[in-house]
């Protein structure tokens, strides 16, 4: 079974217009491949970019909580009575807590990035399409996935051709 249809477009504007038209018709399972980031294409696909700050923030707070808990437990379980200080000196915990919070935010962001982008993905059906390697030579591709409820190979190919696709291949 194929992954869908891969259509090549001459420029980013043609790709964006095709995505918007396919969205208007009712297609939902679309993906675009461009040689450089194109904000209009991301907007047309309906991609949301607001997950990573939440992932980083939750990771940071979780790391800070874990570090504070470990330090509090160590201070309470193994008290060190030096100079009349309290057994749990929270001001001494601030610097290590901040450092660990930053570390957890970075690790959480990295793991979140991998999960959000589906990486590492060593193979995708579009890699086998003839000409896809020219993506980096200013080519723009649109994948209409076969799992889309509106997908019909012949009708979708005709629609893509009408929208100005310079080439259409089964992926």
Protein backbone atom coordinates (compact mmCIF):
# COMPACT_ATOMS: atom_id res chain seq x y z
CA UNK A 1 0.00 0.00 0.00
CA UNK A 2 1.33 3.43 -0.87
CA UNK A 3 1.71 6.29 1.56
CA UNK A 4 -0.16 8.61 -0.79
CA UNK A 5 0.65 11.03 -3.57
CA UNK A 6 3.69 13.30 -3.65
CA UNK A 7 3.32 16.42 -5.79
CA UNK A 8 6.15 18.78 -6.73
CA UNK A 9 5.56 22.52 -6.98
CA UNK A 10 7.66 25.26 -8.52
CA UNK A 11 7.73 27.61 -5.53
CA UNK A 12 6.52 28.15 -1.99
CA UNK A 13 3.57 30.29 -3.07
CA UNK A 14 2.20 27.57 -5.35
CA UNK A 15 2.66 25.02 -2.56
CA UNK A 16 0.85 27.26 -0.07
CA UNK A 17 -2.05 27.85 -2.47
CA UNK A 18 -2.35 24.10 -3.09
CA UNK A 19 -2.40 23.34 0.64
CA UNK A 20 -5.07 25.96 1.28
CA UNK A 21 -7.20 24.68 -1.60
CA UNK A 22 -6.87 21.06 -0.43
CA UNK A 23 -7.84 22.15 3.10
CA UNK A 24 -10.89 23.93 1.67
CA UNK A 25 -11.93 20.77 -0.17
CA UNK A 26 -11.61 18.76 3.05
CA UNK A 27 -8.22 17.05 3.01
CA UNK A 28 -6.64 16.79 6.44
CA UNK A 29 -3.65 14.40 6.17
CA UNK A 30 -1.17 16.67 4.38
CA UNK A 31 2.55 17.14 4.81
CA UNK A 32 4.96 19.50 3.06
CA UNK A 33 8.68 19.21 2.34
CA UNK A 34 10.58 22.41 1.61
CA UNK A 35 14.30 23.21 1.25
CA UNK A 36 14.02 25.94 3.89
CA UNK A 37 11.43 26.91 6.53
CA UNK A 38 8.40 28.64 5.04
CA UNK A 39 6.08 30.20 7.62
CA UNK A 40 3.13 30.39 5.22
CA UNK A 41 3.33 26.64 4.56
CA UNK A 42 3.39 25.89 8.29
CA UNK A 43 0.40 28.17 8.82
CA UNK A 44 -1.49 26.60 5.91
CA UNK A 45 -0.87 23.12 7.31
CA UNK A 46 -2.24 24.28 10.64
CA UNK A 47 0.89 23.41 12.58
CA UNK A 48 0.99 24.60 16.14
CA UNK A 49 4.31 25.62 17.57
CA UNK A 50 3.26 26.25 21.14
CA UNK A 51 3.99 22.86 22.70
CA UNK A 52 7.72 23.18 23.31
CA UNK A 53 7.57 26.02 25.87
CA UNK A 54 5.10 23.97 27.90
CA UNK A 55 7.25 20.86 27.68
CA UNK A 56 10.33 22.83 28.75
CA UNK A 57 8.46 24.53 31.58
CA UNK A 58 6.99 21.33 32.98
CA UNK A 59 10.37 19.60 32.72
CA UNK A 60 12.05 22.50 34.47
CA UNK A 61 9.54 22.55 37.33
CA UNK A 62 9.74 18.77 37.68
CA UNK A 63 13.54 18.87 37.83
CA UNK A 64 13.50 21.67 40.39
CA UNK A 65 10.99 19.78 42.55
CA UNK A 66 13.01 16.57 42.40
CA UNK A 67 16.23 18.39 43.27
CA UNK A 68 14.66 20.26 46.19
CA UNK A 69 13.12 17.03 47.48
CA UNK A 70 16.43 15.17 47.30
CA UNK A 71 18.30 17.95 49.07
CA UNK A 72 15.62 18.34 51.74
CA UNK A 73 15.59 14.58 52.33
CA UNK A 74 19.39 14.46 52.58
CA UNK A 75 19.43 17.38 55.02
CA UNK A 76 16.67 15.87 57.16
CA UNK A 77 17.97 12.28 57.05
CA UNK A 78 21.60 13.18 57.68
CA UNK A 79 21.61 16.39 59.73
CA UNK A 80 24.91 18.19 60.05
CA UNK A 81 24.91 20.47 63.07
CA UNK A 82 27.56 23.04 62.23
CA UNK A 83 27.46 26.57 63.63
CA UNK A 84 23.83 26.29 64.72
CA UNK A 85 22.39 26.19 61.19
CA UNK A 86 19.10 24.48 60.55
CA UNK A 87 19.10 20.84 59.42
CA UNK A 88 17.47 21.85 56.11
CA UNK A 89 19.21 25.06 54.94
CA UNK A 90 17.10 25.98 51.94
CA UNK A 91 19.29 28.96 50.82
CA UNK A 92 22.10 26.50 50.14
CA UNK A 93 19.79 24.56 47.83
CA UNK A 94 19.03 27.44 45.45
CA UNK A 95 22.06 27.26 43.15
CA UNK A 96 21.98 23.50 42.60
CA UNK A 97 18.20 23.58 42.15
CA UNK A 98 18.50 26.23 39.42
CA UNK A 99 21.24 24.30 37.65
CA UNK A 100 19.28 21.03 37.72
CA UNK A 101 16.09 22.82 36.60
CA UNK A 102 17.92 24.17 33.55
CA UNK A 103 19.34 20.73 32.80
CA UNK A 104 15.91 19.09 33.02
CA UNK A 105 14.39 21.80 30.81
CA UNK A 106 17.04 21.12 28.17
CA UNK A 107 16.57 17.35 28.37
CA UNK A 108 12.78 17.67 28.34
CA UNK A 109 12.96 19.95 25.30
CA UNK A 110 15.22 17.52 23.48
CA UNK A 111 12.97 14.53 24.18
CA UNK A 112 9.88 16.61 23.35
CA UNK A 113 11.44 17.65 20.04
CA UNK A 114 12.17 14.04 19.14
CA UNK A 115 8.63 12.95 20.00
CA UNK A 116 6.95 15.92 18.28
CA UNK A 117 8.87 15.44 15.03
CA UNK A 118 8.72 11.65 15.01
CA UNK A 119 12.50 11.36 15.03
CA UNK A 120 14.59 9.36 14.63
CA UNK A 121 12.85 8.25 11.48
CA UNK A 122 15.29 6.40 9.29
CA UNK A 123 12.87 5.68 6.47
CA UNK A 124 9.83 7.38 5.00
CA UNK A 125 8.06 6.26 1.81
CA UNK A 126 8.77 9.60 0.12
CA UNK A 127 12.51 8.89 0.26
CA UNK A 128 12.01 6.26 -2.46
CA UNK A 129 10.25 8.63 -4.88
CA UNK A 130 12.35 9.49 -7.91
CA UNK A 131 13.39 13.13 -7.74
CA UNK A 132 12.78 13.65 -4.02
CA UNK A 133 16.53 14.02 -3.50
CA UNK A 134 16.27 17.27 -5.48
CA UNK A 135 14.32 18.79 -2.58
CA UNK A 136 17.40 20.76 -1.66
CA UNK A 137 17.60 22.24 -5.16
CA UNK A 138 14.71 24.64 -4.54
CA UNK A 139 11.95 22.04 -4.95
CA UNK A 140 8.74 22.04 -2.94
CA UNK A 141 6.76 18.87 -2.31
CA UNK A 142 3.30 18.17 -0.94
CA UNK A 143 2.34 14.74 0.36
CA UNK A 144 -1.34 13.85 0.41
CA UNK A 145 -1.44 10.80 2.62
CA UNK A 146 -3.49 7.75 1.69
CA UNK A 147 -4.96 7.59 5.19
CA UNK A 148 -6.90 10.79 4.49
CA UNK A 149 -10.66 10.04 4.35
CA UNK A 150 -11.02 12.11 1.14
CA UNK A 151 -8.11 10.37 -0.59
CA UNK A 152 -8.84 8.83 -3.98
CA UNK A 153 -5.69 8.36 -6.05
CA UNK A 154 -7.15 9.42 -9.39
CA UNK A 155 -9.27 12.31 -8.12
CA UNK A 156 -6.51 13.61 -5.87
CA UNK A 157 -3.95 13.42 -8.70
CA UNK A 158 -6.31 15.35 -10.98
CA UNK A 159 -6.86 17.98 -8.31
CA UNK A 160 -3.11 18.33 -7.68
CA UNK A 161 -2.48 18.71 -11.41
CA UNK A 162 -5.18 21.39 -11.59
CA UNK A 163 -3.50 23.20 -8.70
CA UNK A 164 -0.26 23.49 -10.68
CA UNK A 165 1.81 20.51 -9.59
CA UNK A 166 4.83 20.07 -11.87
CA UNK A 167 5.02 16.36 -11.10
CA UNK A 168 2.94 13.80 -9.24
CA UNK A 169 4.22 10.45 -8.00
CA UNK A 170 2.90 7.69 -5.78
CA UNK A 171 4.79 7.64 -2.51
